[in-house]
N, C-alpha and C. Protein backbone atom coordinates (compact mmCIF):
# COMPACT_ATOMS: atom_id res chain seq x y z
N MET A 1 76.78 146.40 59.62
CA MET A 1 77.11 145.05 60.06
C MET A 1 78.41 144.61 59.39
N HIS A 2 79.29 144.06 60.17
CA HIS A 2 80.60 143.61 59.67
C HIS A 2 80.54 142.14 59.30
N PRO A 3 81.32 141.75 58.28
CA PRO A 3 81.40 140.32 57.97
C PRO A 3 81.95 139.55 59.18
N ARG A 4 81.28 138.48 59.53
CA ARG A 4 81.73 137.61 60.60
C ARG A 4 82.46 136.45 59.95
N VAL A 5 83.73 136.23 60.32
CA VAL A 5 84.55 135.24 59.63
C VAL A 5 85.21 134.28 60.61
N LEU A 6 85.55 133.12 60.05
CA LEU A 6 86.43 132.17 60.71
C LEU A 6 87.71 132.15 59.91
N LEU A 7 88.83 132.14 60.56
CA LEU A 7 90.12 132.08 59.88
C LEU A 7 90.51 130.62 59.70
N GLU A 8 90.81 130.25 58.46
CA GLU A 8 91.19 128.86 58.19
C GLU A 8 92.66 128.67 58.54
N VAL A 9 92.93 127.59 59.27
CA VAL A 9 94.29 127.27 59.69
C VAL A 9 94.65 125.90 59.14
N ASN A 10 95.77 125.83 58.47
CA ASN A 10 96.27 124.58 57.89
C ASN A 10 97.17 123.92 58.94
N VAL A 11 96.55 123.33 59.96
CA VAL A 11 97.31 122.77 61.08
C VAL A 11 98.18 121.58 60.66
N ALA A 12 97.81 120.90 59.59
CA ALA A 12 98.59 119.74 59.14
C ALA A 12 99.73 120.14 58.20
N GLY A 13 99.73 121.39 57.73
CA GLY A 13 100.78 121.84 56.83
C GLY A 13 100.70 121.21 55.45
N GLU A 14 99.49 120.82 55.04
CA GLU A 14 99.32 120.19 53.72
C GLU A 14 99.46 121.21 52.60
N GLY A 15 100.23 120.87 51.59
CA GLY A 15 100.41 121.74 50.44
C GLY A 15 99.17 121.87 49.58
N THR A 16 98.25 120.93 49.71
CA THR A 16 97.03 120.95 48.89
C THR A 16 95.90 121.70 49.56
N LYS A 17 96.13 122.22 50.77
CA LYS A 17 95.08 122.93 51.50
C LYS A 17 95.46 124.39 51.67
N PHE A 18 94.45 125.20 51.84
CA PHE A 18 94.64 126.62 52.07
C PHE A 18 94.63 126.91 53.56
N GLY A 19 94.85 128.14 53.91
CA GLY A 19 94.77 128.56 55.30
C GLY A 19 96.10 129.02 55.84
N PHE A 20 96.02 129.68 56.98
CA PHE A 20 97.22 130.17 57.66
C PHE A 20 98.00 129.01 58.24
N GLN A 21 99.30 129.09 58.18
CA GLN A 21 100.13 128.23 59.00
C GLN A 21 100.01 128.79 60.42
N PRO A 22 100.01 127.98 61.46
CA PRO A 22 99.80 128.50 62.81
C PRO A 22 100.73 129.65 63.19
N ASP A 23 102.02 129.54 62.89
CA ASP A 23 102.96 130.62 63.25
C ASP A 23 102.69 131.89 62.47
N LYS A 24 102.29 131.76 61.22
CA LYS A 24 101.97 132.93 60.39
C LYS A 24 100.72 133.63 60.94
N LEU A 25 99.74 132.85 61.39
CA LEU A 25 98.55 133.46 61.97
C LEU A 25 98.91 134.27 63.21
N ARG A 26 99.78 133.71 64.06
CA ARG A 26 100.22 134.46 65.24
C ARG A 26 100.85 135.78 64.83
N GLN A 27 101.69 135.75 63.79
CA GLN A 27 102.36 136.96 63.31
C GLN A 27 101.36 137.98 62.76
N ASP A 28 100.33 137.50 62.07
CA ASP A 28 99.39 138.39 61.39
C ASP A 28 98.17 138.78 62.23
N MET A 29 98.00 138.18 63.39
CA MET A 29 96.76 138.37 64.15
C MET A 29 96.52 139.81 64.54
N GLU A 30 97.55 140.51 64.98
CA GLU A 30 97.37 141.90 65.38
C GLU A 30 96.86 142.74 64.21
N ALA A 31 97.43 142.54 63.03
CA ALA A 31 96.99 143.28 61.84
C ALA A 31 95.56 142.90 61.46
N LEU A 32 95.22 141.62 61.59
CA LEU A 32 93.85 141.19 61.28
C LEU A 32 92.85 141.81 62.25
N LEU A 33 93.21 141.86 63.51
CA LEU A 33 92.31 142.43 64.51
C LEU A 33 92.13 143.94 64.32
N ALA A 34 93.09 144.56 63.67
CA ALA A 34 93.01 146.01 63.43
C ALA A 34 92.10 146.36 62.25
N LEU A 35 91.67 145.37 61.48
CA LEU A 35 90.78 145.65 60.36
C LEU A 35 89.41 146.03 60.92
N PRO A 36 88.99 147.26 60.73
CA PRO A 36 87.80 147.76 61.42
C PRO A 36 86.47 147.16 60.94
N ARG A 37 86.43 146.62 59.76
CA ARG A 37 85.15 146.12 59.23
C ARG A 37 85.08 144.60 59.20
N LEU A 38 85.90 143.95 60.02
CA LEU A 38 85.95 142.49 60.04
C LEU A 38 85.74 142.01 61.47
N SER A 39 84.88 141.05 61.64
CA SER A 39 84.63 140.47 62.95
C SER A 39 85.11 139.01 62.93
N ILE A 40 86.25 138.76 63.57
CA ILE A 40 86.83 137.41 63.61
C ILE A 40 86.17 136.65 64.75
N GLU A 41 85.46 135.59 64.40
CA GLU A 41 84.69 134.84 65.39
C GLU A 41 85.31 133.52 65.79
N GLY A 42 86.32 133.06 65.05
CA GLY A 42 86.91 131.79 65.42
C GLY A 42 87.83 131.27 64.34
N LEU A 43 88.12 129.98 64.46
CA LEU A 43 89.05 129.30 63.56
C LEU A 43 88.39 128.08 62.95
N MET A 44 88.92 127.66 61.82
CA MET A 44 88.44 126.43 61.18
C MET A 44 89.63 125.67 60.62
N THR A 45 89.46 124.38 60.45
CA THR A 45 90.49 123.55 59.82
C THR A 45 89.84 122.36 59.14
N ILE A 46 90.55 121.82 58.18
CA ILE A 46 90.17 120.57 57.53
C ILE A 46 91.41 119.67 57.60
N PRO A 47 91.36 118.61 58.40
CA PRO A 47 92.53 117.75 58.54
C PRO A 47 92.71 116.87 57.30
N PRO A 48 93.86 116.21 57.22
CA PRO A 48 94.05 115.27 56.12
C PRO A 48 92.98 114.18 56.14
N LEU A 49 92.57 113.75 54.97
CA LEU A 49 91.59 112.68 54.87
C LEU A 49 92.17 111.41 55.48
N ALA A 50 91.40 110.77 56.35
CA ALA A 50 91.88 109.57 57.04
C ALA A 50 90.78 108.52 57.05
N GLU A 51 91.19 107.28 57.05
CA GLU A 51 90.24 106.16 57.11
C GLU A 51 89.52 106.12 58.46
N GLN A 52 90.27 106.37 59.52
CA GLN A 52 89.73 106.31 60.87
C GLN A 52 89.59 107.72 61.44
N ALA A 53 88.44 108.03 62.01
CA ALA A 53 88.18 109.35 62.58
C ALA A 53 89.21 109.73 63.63
N GLU A 54 89.65 108.77 64.39
CA GLU A 54 90.61 109.03 65.47
C GLU A 54 91.91 109.67 64.96
N ALA A 55 92.27 109.41 63.71
CA ALA A 55 93.48 109.98 63.14
C ALA A 55 93.40 111.51 63.02
N SER A 56 92.20 112.06 63.05
CA SER A 56 92.02 113.51 62.95
C SER A 56 92.14 114.22 64.29
N ARG A 57 92.09 113.47 65.37
CA ARG A 57 92.06 114.09 66.70
C ARG A 57 93.23 115.06 66.92
N LYS A 58 94.42 114.66 66.53
CA LYS A 58 95.60 115.51 66.75
C LYS A 58 95.40 116.90 66.15
N TYR A 59 94.82 116.97 64.97
CA TYR A 59 94.64 118.25 64.29
C TYR A 59 93.56 119.09 64.98
N PHE A 60 92.54 118.44 65.51
CA PHE A 60 91.50 119.15 66.24
C PHE A 60 92.06 119.70 67.55
N VAL A 61 92.87 118.91 68.23
CA VAL A 61 93.52 119.37 69.46
C VAL A 61 94.43 120.56 69.15
N ASP A 62 95.21 120.45 68.07
CA ASP A 62 96.12 121.54 67.69
C ASP A 62 95.35 122.84 67.45
N LEU A 63 94.21 122.76 66.76
CA LEU A 63 93.44 123.96 66.48
C LEU A 63 92.86 124.55 67.77
N ARG A 64 92.32 123.70 68.63
CA ARG A 64 91.76 124.19 69.89
C ARG A 64 92.84 124.85 70.74
N GLU A 65 94.01 124.23 70.81
CA GLU A 65 95.11 124.80 71.59
C GLU A 65 95.58 126.13 71.00
N LEU A 66 95.64 126.21 69.67
CA LEU A 66 96.00 127.47 69.02
C LEU A 66 94.99 128.55 69.36
N ARG A 67 93.70 128.20 69.28
CA ARG A 67 92.65 129.16 69.64
C ARG A 67 92.84 129.66 71.07
N ASP A 68 93.09 128.73 72.00
CA ASP A 68 93.26 129.11 73.40
C ASP A 68 94.46 130.04 73.57
N GLN A 69 95.56 129.76 72.87
CA GLN A 69 96.75 130.60 72.95
C GLN A 69 96.48 132.00 72.38
N LEU A 70 95.77 132.06 71.25
CA LEU A 70 95.46 133.36 70.64
C LEU A 70 94.55 134.18 71.56
N GLU A 71 93.57 133.53 72.17
CA GLU A 71 92.68 134.24 73.09
C GLU A 71 93.46 134.87 74.24
N THR A 72 94.42 134.12 74.79
CA THR A 72 95.23 134.62 75.89
C THR A 72 96.17 135.72 75.43
N GLU A 73 96.87 135.46 74.35
CA GLU A 73 97.87 136.41 73.87
C GLU A 73 97.26 137.74 73.43
N PHE A 74 96.11 137.69 72.79
CA PHE A 74 95.50 138.91 72.24
C PHE A 74 94.30 139.40 73.05
N GLN A 75 94.08 138.80 74.22
CA GLN A 75 93.00 139.23 75.11
C GLN A 75 91.68 139.37 74.36
N MET A 76 91.24 138.28 73.75
CA MET A 76 90.04 138.28 72.93
C MET A 76 89.34 136.95 73.06
N LYS A 77 88.16 136.86 72.50
CA LYS A 77 87.42 135.61 72.47
C LYS A 77 87.26 135.17 71.01
N LEU A 78 87.48 133.89 70.79
CA LEU A 78 87.25 133.23 69.50
C LEU A 78 86.32 132.05 69.80
N PRO A 79 85.03 132.32 69.91
CA PRO A 79 84.11 131.29 70.40
C PRO A 79 83.81 130.16 69.41
N ARG A 80 84.10 130.33 68.15
CA ARG A 80 83.73 129.32 67.15
C ARG A 80 84.95 128.49 66.73
N LEU A 81 84.77 127.18 66.71
CA LEU A 81 85.76 126.25 66.16
C LEU A 81 85.03 125.37 65.16
N SER A 82 85.35 125.56 63.89
CA SER A 82 84.74 124.74 62.84
C SER A 82 85.74 123.67 62.45
N MET A 83 85.41 122.46 62.84
CA MET A 83 86.29 121.34 62.54
C MET A 83 85.46 120.08 62.61
N GLY A 84 85.75 119.19 61.71
CA GLY A 84 85.01 117.94 61.65
C GLY A 84 84.05 117.91 60.49
N MET A 85 84.03 116.78 59.84
CA MET A 85 83.14 116.55 58.71
C MET A 85 82.40 115.24 58.97
N THR A 86 81.63 114.80 58.01
CA THR A 86 80.80 113.61 58.19
C THR A 86 81.58 112.44 58.78
N ASN A 87 82.79 112.21 58.32
CA ASN A 87 83.54 111.03 58.74
C ASN A 87 84.22 111.16 60.11
N ASP A 88 84.38 112.39 60.62
CA ASP A 88 85.13 112.51 61.87
C ASP A 88 84.51 113.51 62.87
N PHE A 89 83.28 113.94 62.62
CA PHE A 89 82.71 114.98 63.49
C PHE A 89 82.56 114.57 64.96
N PRO A 90 82.30 113.28 65.30
CA PRO A 90 82.21 112.97 66.74
C PRO A 90 83.51 113.28 67.48
N VAL A 91 84.63 112.99 66.86
CA VAL A 91 85.93 113.28 67.47
C VAL A 91 86.12 114.79 67.57
N ALA A 92 85.72 115.51 66.53
CA ALA A 92 85.83 116.98 66.55
C ALA A 92 85.01 117.58 67.69
N VAL A 93 83.81 117.08 67.88
CA VAL A 93 82.95 117.58 68.95
C VAL A 93 83.60 117.30 70.31
N GLU A 94 84.17 116.10 70.46
CA GLU A 94 84.87 115.78 71.71
C GLU A 94 86.00 116.76 71.99
N GLU A 95 86.60 117.30 70.94
CA GLU A 95 87.74 118.22 71.08
C GLU A 95 87.34 119.69 71.04
N GLY A 96 86.04 119.98 71.04
CA GLY A 96 85.62 121.36 71.18
C GLY A 96 84.97 122.02 69.98
N ALA A 97 84.70 121.28 68.92
CA ALA A 97 84.06 121.87 67.75
C ALA A 97 82.72 122.49 68.13
N THR A 98 82.47 123.68 67.59
CA THR A 98 81.16 124.30 67.76
C THR A 98 80.38 124.29 66.44
N LEU A 99 81.08 124.04 65.35
CA LEU A 99 80.48 123.90 64.02
C LEU A 99 81.08 122.68 63.35
N VAL A 100 80.25 121.87 62.70
CA VAL A 100 80.74 120.74 61.92
C VAL A 100 80.12 120.79 60.53
N ARG A 101 80.78 120.19 59.58
CA ARG A 101 80.30 120.17 58.20
C ARG A 101 79.92 118.73 57.86
N VAL A 102 78.64 118.49 57.70
CA VAL A 102 78.15 117.12 57.51
C VAL A 102 77.34 116.98 56.22
N GLY A 103 77.76 117.65 55.19
CA GLY A 103 77.04 117.61 53.91
C GLY A 103 76.90 116.21 53.34
N THR A 104 77.93 115.40 53.43
CA THR A 104 77.86 114.05 52.88
C THR A 104 76.81 113.23 53.62
N ALA A 105 76.71 113.40 54.93
CA ALA A 105 75.70 112.67 55.69
C ALA A 105 74.29 113.08 55.28
N ILE A 106 74.14 114.34 54.89
CA ILE A 106 72.82 114.85 54.51
C ILE A 106 72.51 114.57 53.04
N PHE A 107 73.46 114.88 52.17
CA PHE A 107 73.22 114.83 50.72
C PHE A 107 73.79 113.60 50.04
N GLY A 108 74.59 112.82 50.74
CA GLY A 108 75.23 111.65 50.14
C GLY A 108 76.52 112.03 49.43
N GLU A 109 77.18 111.02 48.91
CA GLU A 109 78.42 111.25 48.18
C GLU A 109 78.14 112.09 46.95
N ARG A 110 79.05 113.01 46.68
CA ARG A 110 78.93 113.84 45.48
C ARG A 110 80.11 113.58 44.57
N LYS A 111 79.89 113.78 43.30
CA LYS A 111 80.96 113.61 42.33
C LYS A 111 82.02 114.66 42.58
N ARG A 112 83.25 114.23 42.66
CA ARG A 112 84.37 115.16 42.86
C ARG A 112 84.74 115.79 41.53
N ARG A 113 85.00 117.07 41.58
CA ARG A 113 85.43 117.79 40.38
C ARG A 113 86.89 118.15 40.52
N ASN A 114 87.64 118.03 39.47
CA ASN A 114 89.01 118.51 39.46
C ASN A 114 88.99 119.99 39.10
N ILE A 115 89.53 120.79 39.98
CA ILE A 115 89.56 122.21 39.75
C ILE A 115 91.00 122.66 39.71
N ASP A 116 91.37 123.28 38.65
CA ASP A 116 92.73 123.85 38.54
C ASP A 116 92.69 125.27 39.06
N LEU A 117 93.51 125.54 40.05
CA LEU A 117 93.57 126.90 40.62
C LEU A 117 94.79 127.61 40.12
């Protein structure tokens, strides 16, 4: 069984977030698909924190459109889109999310830790 993964895409270009820049992912996709023990199932993103959920829509649209372009260009399926968290998941679902992260809604606010990387 191969690891099933989602590729993280930094659609907002934030320096504090990880993930592929969209153009870099396009460049690297062929090499990623050639990895025999990896099963790429989709994409994920975390947009900039916003007061209003609607402010995240642009980033969700960008990820969905990137997914659609990659599927066409590389003749493949990327059925999973992980986008949206407790504060903006309804907008993410409207834009095609198949996975959402709602830990805060389930577990409540958690203490933030400062992590030096």
